[in-house]
Amino acid sequence: MLVPNVTIVGSRGTLAVDTGMGAKNGQAVMREVEKVSKGPELYLVAPHVHPEHDLGAGGFPARTKMLRSKEQEADIQETGLSTAKVANFSPAIGDLLQGAEFRKADISFEREQVVDLGGVRARVMAMGANHTKSDIAVRTLQDELQARYNRAQMASAVRAAYNEAQ
């Protein structure tokens, strides 16, 4: 099964975003994470609480620090494993989800949590209701600085073109 995972790597730690469905897929993601990790710290974020994005957390080692927004924790408390009813779609999916549970948060946050991975800082943000009631997005602060730099460069180019036209 294809696992759409994003991994952010720093000198001290790694942040994996998305777990895949079930521990078997979580283990597959973890094998790939191990190939690129440079430091001992390991963080995990599920973009939302659907089984194909969250219920693979059991495939990650115990040292993994799970980040969850308060909204995500409330969503899990309210709905439980009801989204895992996809296990009835096929025997293969049922096998993948056998014994799957939502991993408890090691780091719980209200609106956002910045994770310093060593040379790279990831901003984990509670986005509220989008695809689900408790979506999470992740950006590196370097991305935000680059976007600001690009806007400043564009503004400078526009000013230069304007001045040349005068």
N, C-alpha and C. Protein backbone atom coordinates (compact mmCIF):
# COMPACT_ATOMS: atom_id res chain seq x y z
N MET A 1 0.84 -1.18 0.00
CA MET A 1 0.00 0.00 0.00
C MET A 1 0.88 1.24 0.00
N LEU A 2 0.56 2.22 -0.82
CA LEU A 2 1.29 3.48 -0.89
C LEU A 2 1.02 4.30 0.36
N VAL A 3 2.09 4.82 0.95
CA VAL A 3 1.95 5.64 2.15
C VAL A 3 2.45 7.05 1.82
N PRO A 4 1.56 8.04 1.77
CA PRO A 4 1.96 9.41 1.43
C PRO A 4 2.58 10.12 2.63
N ASN A 5 3.87 9.95 2.82
CA ASN A 5 4.54 10.47 4.01
C ASN A 5 5.46 11.63 3.66
N VAL A 6 5.53 12.59 4.55
CA VAL A 6 6.48 13.69 4.46
C VAL A 6 7.40 13.57 5.67
N THR A 7 8.69 13.71 5.45
CA THR A 7 9.65 13.62 6.54
C THR A 7 10.50 14.88 6.54
N ILE A 8 10.60 15.53 7.70
CA ILE A 8 11.41 16.73 7.86
C ILE A 8 12.59 16.34 8.76
N VAL A 9 13.80 16.56 8.26
CA VAL A 9 15.00 16.06 8.94
C VAL A 9 15.87 17.22 9.40
N GLY A 10 16.28 17.16 10.65
CA GLY A 10 17.25 18.09 11.21
C GLY A 10 18.44 17.33 11.74
N SER A 11 19.39 18.03 12.32
CA SER A 11 20.60 17.37 12.82
C SER A 11 20.34 16.58 14.11
N ARG A 12 19.33 16.97 14.87
CA ARG A 12 19.01 16.29 16.13
C ARG A 12 17.81 15.37 16.06
N GLY A 13 16.93 15.63 15.10
CA GLY A 13 15.70 14.86 15.09
C GLY A 13 14.99 14.89 13.75
N THR A 14 13.95 14.08 13.68
CA THR A 14 13.16 13.92 12.46
C THR A 14 11.68 13.98 12.82
N LEU A 15 10.91 14.63 11.96
CA LEU A 15 9.46 14.70 12.12
C LEU A 15 8.82 13.97 10.94
N ALA A 16 8.07 12.92 11.22
CA ALA A 16 7.34 12.19 10.20
C ALA A 16 5.89 12.67 10.21
N VAL A 17 5.35 12.94 9.04
CA VAL A 17 3.97 13.40 8.91
C VAL A 17 3.22 12.34 8.12
N ASP A 18 2.29 11.67 8.77
CA ASP A 18 1.45 10.62 8.20
C ASP A 18 2.04 9.26 8.53
N THR A 19 1.18 8.34 8.89
CA THR A 19 1.64 7.03 9.35
C THR A 19 1.32 5.89 8.41
N GLY A 20 0.38 6.11 7.49
CA GLY A 20 -0.14 4.99 6.72
C GLY A 20 -1.18 4.25 7.54
N MET A 21 -1.79 3.24 6.93
CA MET A 21 -2.88 2.50 7.56
C MET A 21 -2.37 1.22 8.22
N GLY A 22 -2.43 1.18 9.54
CA GLY A 22 -2.04 0.00 10.29
C GLY A 22 -0.55 -0.04 10.57
N ALA A 23 -0.19 -0.85 11.56
CA ALA A 23 1.20 -0.93 12.02
C ALA A 23 2.15 -1.37 10.90
N LYS A 24 1.71 -2.25 10.02
CA LYS A 24 2.57 -2.72 8.92
C LYS A 24 3.01 -1.56 8.04
N ASN A 25 2.09 -0.68 7.70
CA ASN A 25 2.46 0.49 6.91
C ASN A 25 3.26 1.49 7.72
N GLY A 26 2.93 1.63 9.00
CA GLY A 26 3.72 2.49 9.88
C GLY A 26 5.16 2.02 9.95
N GLN A 27 5.37 0.72 9.99
CA GLN A 27 6.73 0.16 10.00
C GLN A 27 7.45 0.48 8.68
N ALA A 28 6.71 0.43 7.57
CA ALA A 28 7.29 0.76 6.26
C ALA A 28 7.73 2.22 6.24
N VAL A 29 6.89 3.10 6.78
CA VAL A 29 7.26 4.52 6.87
C VAL A 29 8.49 4.66 7.75
N MET A 30 8.50 3.98 8.88
CA MET A 30 9.62 4.09 9.82
C MET A 30 10.93 3.62 9.18
N ARG A 31 10.89 2.58 8.38
CA ARG A 31 12.11 2.12 7.70
C ARG A 31 12.67 3.24 6.80
N GLU A 32 11.78 3.95 6.12
CA GLU A 32 12.22 5.05 5.26
C GLU A 32 12.73 6.22 6.10
N VAL A 33 12.07 6.49 7.20
CA VAL A 33 12.51 7.57 8.10
C VAL A 33 13.92 7.27 8.61
N GLU A 34 14.17 6.03 8.99
CA GLU A 34 15.49 5.64 9.50
C GLU A 34 16.59 5.88 8.47
N LYS A 35 16.26 5.75 7.20
CA LYS A 35 17.26 5.94 6.14
C LYS A 35 17.74 7.38 6.05
N VAL A 36 16.89 8.34 6.43
CA VAL A 36 17.26 9.75 6.26
C VAL A 36 17.53 10.46 7.59
N SER A 37 17.17 9.86 8.70
CA SER A 37 17.34 10.51 10.01
C SER A 37 18.81 10.73 10.33
N LYS A 38 19.09 11.86 10.97
CA LYS A 38 20.47 12.20 11.35
C LYS A 38 20.64 12.24 12.86
N GLY A 39 19.54 12.38 13.59
CA GLY A 39 19.63 12.49 15.04
C GLY A 39 18.69 11.52 15.72
N PRO A 40 18.81 11.40 17.04
CA PRO A 40 18.04 10.39 17.78
C PRO A 40 16.57 10.75 18.04
N GLU A 41 16.22 12.04 17.99
CA GLU A 41 14.85 12.43 18.33
C GLU A 41 13.91 12.10 17.17
N LEU A 42 12.72 11.61 17.52
CA LEU A 42 11.74 11.23 16.50
C LEU A 42 10.36 11.75 16.91
N TYR A 43 9.73 12.49 16.01
CA TYR A 43 8.41 13.07 16.24
C TYR A 43 7.47 12.57 15.16
N LEU A 44 6.19 12.51 15.50
CA LEU A 44 5.19 12.01 14.57
C LEU A 44 3.94 12.88 14.63
N VAL A 45 3.38 13.19 13.47
CA VAL A 45 2.15 13.97 13.36
C VAL A 45 1.24 13.25 12.37
N ALA A 46 -0.04 13.15 12.71
CA ALA A 46 -1.05 12.66 11.77
C ALA A 46 -1.81 13.89 11.27
N PRO A 47 -1.92 14.07 9.95
CA PRO A 47 -2.61 15.26 9.44
C PRO A 47 -4.09 15.31 9.82
N HIS A 48 -4.68 14.15 10.01
CA HIS A 48 -6.05 14.05 10.55
C HIS A 48 -6.27 12.62 11.01
N VAL A 49 -7.41 12.37 11.66
CA VAL A 49 -7.59 11.10 12.36
C VAL A 49 -8.25 10.00 11.52
N HIS A 50 -8.13 10.06 10.22
CA HIS A 50 -8.59 8.94 9.41
C HIS A 50 -7.57 7.80 9.51
N PRO A 51 -8.04 6.56 9.41
CA PRO A 51 -7.15 5.42 9.65
C PRO A 51 -5.94 5.35 8.73
N GLU A 52 -6.09 5.79 7.49
CA GLU A 52 -4.97 5.69 6.54
C GLU A 52 -3.89 6.75 6.79
N HIS A 53 -4.14 7.66 7.71
CA HIS A 53 -3.17 8.70 8.04
C HIS A 53 -2.71 8.65 9.49
N ASP A 54 -3.37 7.88 10.32
CA ASP A 54 -3.10 7.93 11.75
C ASP A 54 -2.90 6.56 12.40
N LEU A 55 -3.57 5.55 11.91
CA LEU A 55 -3.55 4.27 12.62
C LEU A 55 -2.34 3.40 12.31
N GLY A 56 -1.33 3.97 11.66
CA GLY A 56 -0.06 3.28 11.49
C GLY A 56 0.95 3.67 12.56
N ALA A 57 0.54 4.52 13.49
CA ALA A 57 1.45 5.00 14.54
C ALA A 57 2.01 3.86 15.38
N GLY A 58 1.28 2.76 15.46
CA GLY A 58 1.76 1.60 16.21
C GLY A 58 3.00 0.97 15.61
N GLY A 59 3.33 1.32 14.38
CA GLY A 59 4.53 0.80 13.72
C GLY A 59 5.78 1.62 14.02
N PHE A 60 5.61 2.69 14.79
CA PHE A 60 6.74 3.53 15.16
C PHE A 60 7.26 3.11 16.52
N PRO A 61 8.56 3.29 16.79
CA PRO A 61 9.11 2.86 18.07
C PRO A 61 8.55 3.65 19.26
N ALA A 62 8.67 3.07 20.44
CA ALA A 62 8.14 3.68 21.66
C ALA A 62 8.75 5.05 21.94
N ARG A 63 9.96 5.31 21.48
CA ARG A 63 10.64 6.58 21.74
C ARG A 63 10.03 7.73 20.93
N THR A 64 9.15 7.42 19.99
CA THR A 64 8.52 8.44 19.14
C THR A 64 7.64 9.35 19.98
N LYS A 65 7.76 10.65 19.75
CA LYS A 65 6.91 11.63 20.43
C LYS A 65 5.78 12.02 19.49
N MET A 66 4.57 11.65 19.87
CA MET A 66 3.38 11.95 19.07
C MET A 66 2.88 13.33 19.42
N LEU A 67 2.69 14.17 18.39
CA LEU A 67 2.13 15.50 18.58
C LEU A 67 0.68 15.49 18.15
N ARG A 68 -0.18 16.04 19.00
CA ARG A 68 -1.60 16.16 18.66
C ARG A 68 -2.12 17.51 19.15
N SER A 69 -3.00 18.09 18.34
CA SER A 69 -3.68 19.30 18.80
C SER A 69 -4.77 18.87 19.78
N LYS A 70 -5.19 19.81 20.62
CA LYS A 70 -6.30 19.54 21.54
C LYS A 70 -7.55 19.16 20.75
N GLU A 71 -7.75 19.80 19.58
CA GLU A 71 -8.90 19.47 18.72
C GLU A 71 -8.83 18.02 18.26
N GLN A 72 -7.64 17.57 17.88
CA GLN A 72 -7.49 16.19 17.42
C GLN A 72 -7.77 15.21 18.55
N GLU A 73 -7.28 15.53 19.73
CA GLU A 73 -7.54 14.66 20.89
C GLU A 73 -9.03 14.58 21.18
N ALA A 74 -9.73 15.72 21.09
CA ALA A 74 -11.18 15.74 21.31
C ALA A 74 -11.90 14.95 20.23
N ASP A 75 -11.44 15.08 18.99
CA ASP A 75 -12.04 14.34 17.87
C ASP A 75 -11.92 12.83 18.09
N ILE A 76 -10.76 12.40 18.52
CA ILE A 76 -10.54 10.97 18.81
C ILE A 76 -11.43 10.52 19.97
N GLN A 77 -11.50 11.34 21.02
CA GLN A 77 -12.33 11.02 22.18
C GLN A 77 -13.79 10.86 21.76
N GLU A 78 -14.24 11.76 20.88
CA GLU A 78 -15.64 11.76 20.46
C GLU A 78 -15.98 10.62 19.50
N THR A 79 -15.11 10.37 18.53
CA THR A 79 -15.44 9.39 17.48
C THR A 79 -14.82 8.03 17.70
N GLY A 80 -13.77 7.96 18.52
CA GLY A 80 -13.10 6.68 18.74
C GLY A 80 -12.63 6.08 17.44
N LEU A 81 -12.77 4.79 17.33
CA LEU A 81 -12.32 4.09 16.13
C LEU A 81 -13.41 3.96 15.07
N SER A 82 -14.43 4.81 15.14
CA SER A 82 -15.53 4.70 14.16
C SER A 82 -15.04 4.87 12.72
N THR A 83 -13.99 5.67 12.52
CA THR A 83 -13.47 5.84 11.16
C THR A 83 -12.78 4.58 10.66
N ALA A 84 -12.44 3.68 11.58
CA ALA A 84 -11.79 2.43 11.19
C ALA A 84 -12.77 1.42 10.62
N LYS A 85 -14.04 1.81 10.46
CA LYS A 85 -15.01 0.89 9.85
C LYS A 85 -14.62 0.52 8.43
N VAL A 86 -13.65 1.25 7.85
CA VAL A 86 -13.14 0.87 6.53
C VAL A 86 -12.53 -0.52 6.56
N ALA A 87 -12.24 -1.03 7.74
CA ALA A 87 -11.70 -2.39 7.87
C ALA A 87 -12.66 -3.41 7.29
N ASN A 88 -13.94 -3.06 7.21
CA ASN A 88 -14.95 -3.97 6.65
C ASN A 88 -14.97 -3.95 5.13
N PHE A 89 -14.25 -3.03 4.51
CA PHE A 89 -14.26 -2.90 3.06
C PHE A 89 -13.64 -4.11 2.36
N SER A 90 -12.60 -4.66 2.97
CA SER A 90 -11.94 -5.83 2.39
C SER A 90 -11.15 -6.55 3.47
N PRO A 91 -10.88 -7.84 3.25
CA PRO A 91 -10.06 -8.58 4.21
C PRO A 91 -8.66 -7.98 4.35
N ALA A 92 -8.10 -7.46 3.27
CA ALA A 92 -6.75 -6.88 3.32
C ALA A 92 -6.72 -5.66 4.23
N ILE A 93 -7.73 -4.79 4.11
CA ILE A 93 -7.79 -3.61 4.97
C ILE A 93 -8.05 -4.03 6.41
N GLY A 94 -8.91 -5.03 6.58
CA GLY A 94 -9.17 -5.56 7.92
C GLY A 94 -7.91 -6.07 8.58
N ASP A 95 -7.08 -6.78 7.80
CA ASP A 95 -5.81 -7.27 8.32
C ASP A 95 -4.89 -6.13 8.72
N LEU A 96 -4.83 -5.09 7.88
CA LEU A 96 -3.97 -3.95 8.19
C LEU A 96 -4.37 -3.25 9.48
N LEU A 97 -5.67 -3.18 9.73
CA LEU A 97 -6.17 -2.43 10.89
C LEU A 97 -6.36 -3.28 12.14
N GLN A 98 -6.09 -4.56 12.05
CA GLN A 98 -6.26 -5.42 13.21
C GLN A 98 -5.39 -4.93 14.37
N GLY A 99 -6.02 -4.65 15.49
CA GLY A 99 -5.33 -4.20 16.69
C GLY A 99 -4.90 -2.74 16.68
N ALA A 100 -5.23 -2.01 15.62
CA ALA A 100 -4.81 -0.61 15.52
C ALA A 100 -5.54 0.25 16.55
N GLU A 101 -4.81 1.19 17.11
CA GLU A 101 -5.36 2.14 18.07
C GLU A 101 -4.74 3.50 17.81
N PHE A 102 -5.44 4.54 18.23
CA PHE A 102 -4.87 5.87 18.15
C PHE A 102 -3.80 6.00 19.22
N ARG A 103 -2.65 6.49 18.83
CA ARG A 103 -1.55 6.68 19.77
C ARG A 103 -1.83 7.94 20.60
N LYS A 104 -1.59 7.85 21.88
CA LYS A 104 -1.79 9.00 22.78
C LYS A 104 -0.72 10.06 22.50
N ALA A 105 -1.11 11.30 22.72
CA ALA A 105 -0.20 12.43 22.50
C ALA A 105 0.88 12.46 23.58
N ASP A 106 2.10 12.66 23.15
CA ASP A 106 3.20 12.95 24.07
C ASP A 106 3.33 14.47 24.21
N ILE A 107 2.98 15.16 23.14
CA ILE A 107 3.00 16.62 23.13
C ILE A 107 1.64 17.07 22.63
N SER A 108 0.92 17.78 23.47
CA SER A 108 -0.42 18.25 23.14
C SER A 108 -0.37 19.78 23.06
N PHE A 109 -1.02 20.34 22.04
CA PHE A 109 -0.95 21.79 21.87
C PHE A 109 -2.30 22.36 21.47
N GLU A 110 -2.47 23.64 21.74
CA GLU A 110 -3.72 24.35 21.42
C GLU A 110 -3.76 24.72 19.94
N ARG A 111 -2.96 25.72 19.54
CA ARG A 111 -3.00 26.24 18.16
C ARG A 111 -1.79 25.81 17.34
N GLU A 112 -0.60 25.84 17.97
CA GLU A 112 0.60 25.44 17.25
C GLU A 112 1.70 25.03 18.20
N GLN A 113 2.62 24.25 17.66
CA GLN A 113 3.78 23.78 18.41
C GLN A 113 4.98 23.84 17.46
N VAL A 114 6.03 24.49 17.90
CA VAL A 114 7.25 24.52 17.09
C VAL A 114 8.18 23.43 17.61
N VAL A 115 8.68 22.62 16.69
CA VAL A 115 9.58 21.53 17.03
C VAL A 115 10.95 21.85 16.43
N ASP A 116 11.96 21.99 17.30
CA ASP A 116 13.32 22.27 16.85
C ASP A 116 14.01 20.94 16.59
N LEU A 117 14.27 20.66 15.33
CA LEU A 117 14.88 19.39 14.94
C LEU A 117 16.40 19.50 14.82
N GLY A 118 16.93 20.70 15.07
CA GLY A 118 18.36 20.93 14.92
C GLY A 118 18.64 21.48 13.52
N GLY A 119 18.68 22.80 13.42
CA GLY A 119 18.91 23.44 12.12
C GLY A 119 17.65 23.61 11.30
N VAL A 120 16.61 22.94 11.68
CA VAL A 120 15.31 23.03 11.02
C VAL A 120 14.24 23.07 12.11
N ARG A 121 13.35 24.05 12.01
CA ARG A 121 12.25 24.13 12.96
C ARG A 121 10.95 23.91 12.20
N ALA A 122 10.15 22.98 12.69
CA ALA A 122 8.86 22.68 12.07
C ALA A 122 7.75 23.31 12.90
N ARG A 123 6.85 23.97 12.22
CA ARG A 123 5.69 24.59 12.86
C ARG A 123 4.49 23.69 12.60
N VAL A 124 4.00 23.05 13.67
CA VAL A 124 2.85 22.14 13.59
C VAL A 124 1.62 22.93 14.02
N MET A 125 0.64 23.04 13.13
CA MET A 125 -0.49 23.95 13.36
C MET A 125 -1.83 23.23 13.34
N ALA A 126 -2.66 23.53 14.32
CA ALA A 126 -4.05 23.06 14.33
C ALA A 126 -4.82 23.93 13.33
N MET A 127 -5.42 23.31 12.33
CA MET A 127 -6.10 24.05 11.27
C MET A 127 -7.62 24.04 11.43
N GLY A 128 -8.11 23.31 12.45
CA GLY A 128 -9.56 23.25 12.63
C GLY A 128 -10.22 22.41 11.55
N ALA A 129 -11.47 22.73 11.29
CA ALA A 129 -12.26 21.94 10.34
C ALA A 129 -11.88 22.28 8.90
N ASN A 130 -11.35 21.31 8.22
CA ASN A 130 -11.06 21.37 6.79
C ASN A 130 -11.57 20.07 6.19
N HIS A 131 -10.68 19.11 6.02
CA HIS A 131 -11.10 17.78 5.55
C HIS A 131 -11.82 17.02 6.66
N THR A 132 -11.33 17.20 7.89
CA THR A 132 -11.99 16.63 9.08
C THR A 132 -12.16 17.77 10.09
N LYS A 133 -12.65 17.44 11.27
CA LYS A 133 -12.85 18.47 12.30
C LYS A 133 -11.55 18.94 12.93
N SER A 134 -10.47 18.17 12.73
CA SER A 134 -9.25 18.47 13.50
C SER A 134 -7.98 18.31 12.66
N ASP A 135 -7.95 18.95 11.51
CA ASP A 135 -6.79 18.83 10.64
C ASP A 135 -5.57 19.53 11.21
N ILE A 136 -4.40 19.01 10.84
CA ILE A 136 -3.12 19.59 11.26
C ILE A 136 -2.29 19.81 10.00
N ALA A 137 -1.58 20.93 9.97
CA ALA A 137 -0.65 21.23 8.88
C ALA A 137 0.72 21.46 9.47
N VAL A 138 1.75 21.23 8.66
CA VAL A 138 3.12 21.41 9.10
C VAL A 138 3.86 22.24 8.05
N ARG A 139 4.59 23.23 8.54
CA ARG A 139 5.47 24.03 7.68
C ARG A 139 6.80 24.16 8.38
N THR A 140 7.85 24.23 7.60
CA THR A 140 9.12 24.56 8.23
C THR A 140 9.21 26.07 8.29
N LEU A 141 9.83 26.57 9.33
CA LEU A 141 9.97 28.02 9.46
C LEU A 141 10.87 28.55 8.34
N GLN A 142 11.77 27.70 7.84
CA GLN A 142 12.61 28.09 6.72
C GLN A 142 11.75 28.35 5.47
N ASP A 143 10.69 27.54 5.28
CA ASP A 143 9.76 27.76 4.16
C ASP A 143 9.12 29.14 4.27
N GLU A 144 8.73 29.49 5.49
CA GLU A 144 8.07 30.78 5.70
C GLU A 144 9.05 31.92 5.43
N LEU A 145 10.30 31.76 5.87
CA LEU A 145 11.30 32.79 5.61
C LEU A 145 11.56 32.91 4.11
N GLN A 146 11.62 31.76 3.41
CA GLN A 146 11.84 31.79 1.97
C GLN A 146 10.67 32.48 1.27
N ALA A 147 9.45 32.22 1.70
CA ALA A 147 8.29 32.87 1.10
C ALA A 147 8.36 34.38 1.30
N ARG A 148 8.76 34.81 2.50
CA ARG A 148 8.91 36.25 2.76
C ARG A 148 10.00 36.85 1.88
N TYR A 149 11.12 36.13 1.76
CA TYR A 149 12.22 36.59 0.91
C TYR A 149 11.75 36.71 -0.54
N ASN A 150 11.02 35.70 -1.02
CA ASN A 150 10.52 35.72 -2.40
C ASN A 150 9.59 36.92 -2.62
N ARG A 151 8.72 37.20 -1.65
CA ARG A 151 7.83 38.36 -1.77
C ARG A 151 8.63 39.66 -1.78
N ALA A 152 9.66 39.75 -0.95
CA ALA A 152 10.49 40.95 -0.92
C ALA A 152 11.24 41.11 -2.24
N GLN A 153 11.74 40.00 -2.80
CA GLN A 153 12.42 40.05 -4.09
C GLN A 153 11.46 40.51 -5.18
N MET A 154 10.23 40.00 -5.16
CA MET A 154 9.23 40.37 -6.15
C MET A 154 8.91 41.85 -6.03
N ALA A 155 8.73 42.34 -4.81
CA ALA A 155 8.42 43.75 -4.60
C ALA A 155 9.57 44.62 -5.10
N SER A 156 10.79 44.18 -4.86
CA SER A 156 11.96 44.92 -5.32
C SER A 156 12.00 44.97 -6.85
N ALA A 157 11.70 43.85 -7.49
CA ALA A 157 11.69 43.80 -8.96
C ALA A 157 10.60 44.69 -9.53
N VAL A 158 9.45 44.69 -8.89
CA VAL A 158 8.33 45.54 -9.35
C VAL A 158 8.71 47.01 -9.21
N ARG A 159 9.33 47.38 -8.06
CA ARG A 159 9.77 48.77 -7.87
C ARG A 159 10.79 49.16 -8.93
N ALA A 160 11.74 48.26 -9.21
CA ALA A 160 12.77 48.56 -10.21
C ALA A 160 12.13 48.77 -11.58
N ALA A 161 11.20 47.90 -11.95
CA ALA A 161 10.51 48.04 -13.24
C ALA A 161 9.72 49.33 -13.31
N TYR A 162 9.07 49.68 -12.21
CA TYR A 162 8.30 50.93 -12.15
C TYR A 162 9.22 52.13 -12.32
N ASN A 163 10.36 52.10 -11.60
CA ASN A 163 11.31 53.21 -11.67
C ASN A 163 11.89 53.34 -13.08
N GLU A 164 12.16 52.22 -13.75
CA GLU A 164 12.67 52.25 -15.12
C GLU A 164 11.63 52.84 -16.08
N ALA A 165 10.37 52.57 -15.81
CA ALA A 165 9.30 53.06 -16.68
C ALA A 165 9.06 54.55 -16.52
N GLN A 166 9.50 55.14 -15.43
CA GLN A 166 9.28 56.57 -15.17
C GLN A 166 10.18 57.45 -15.94
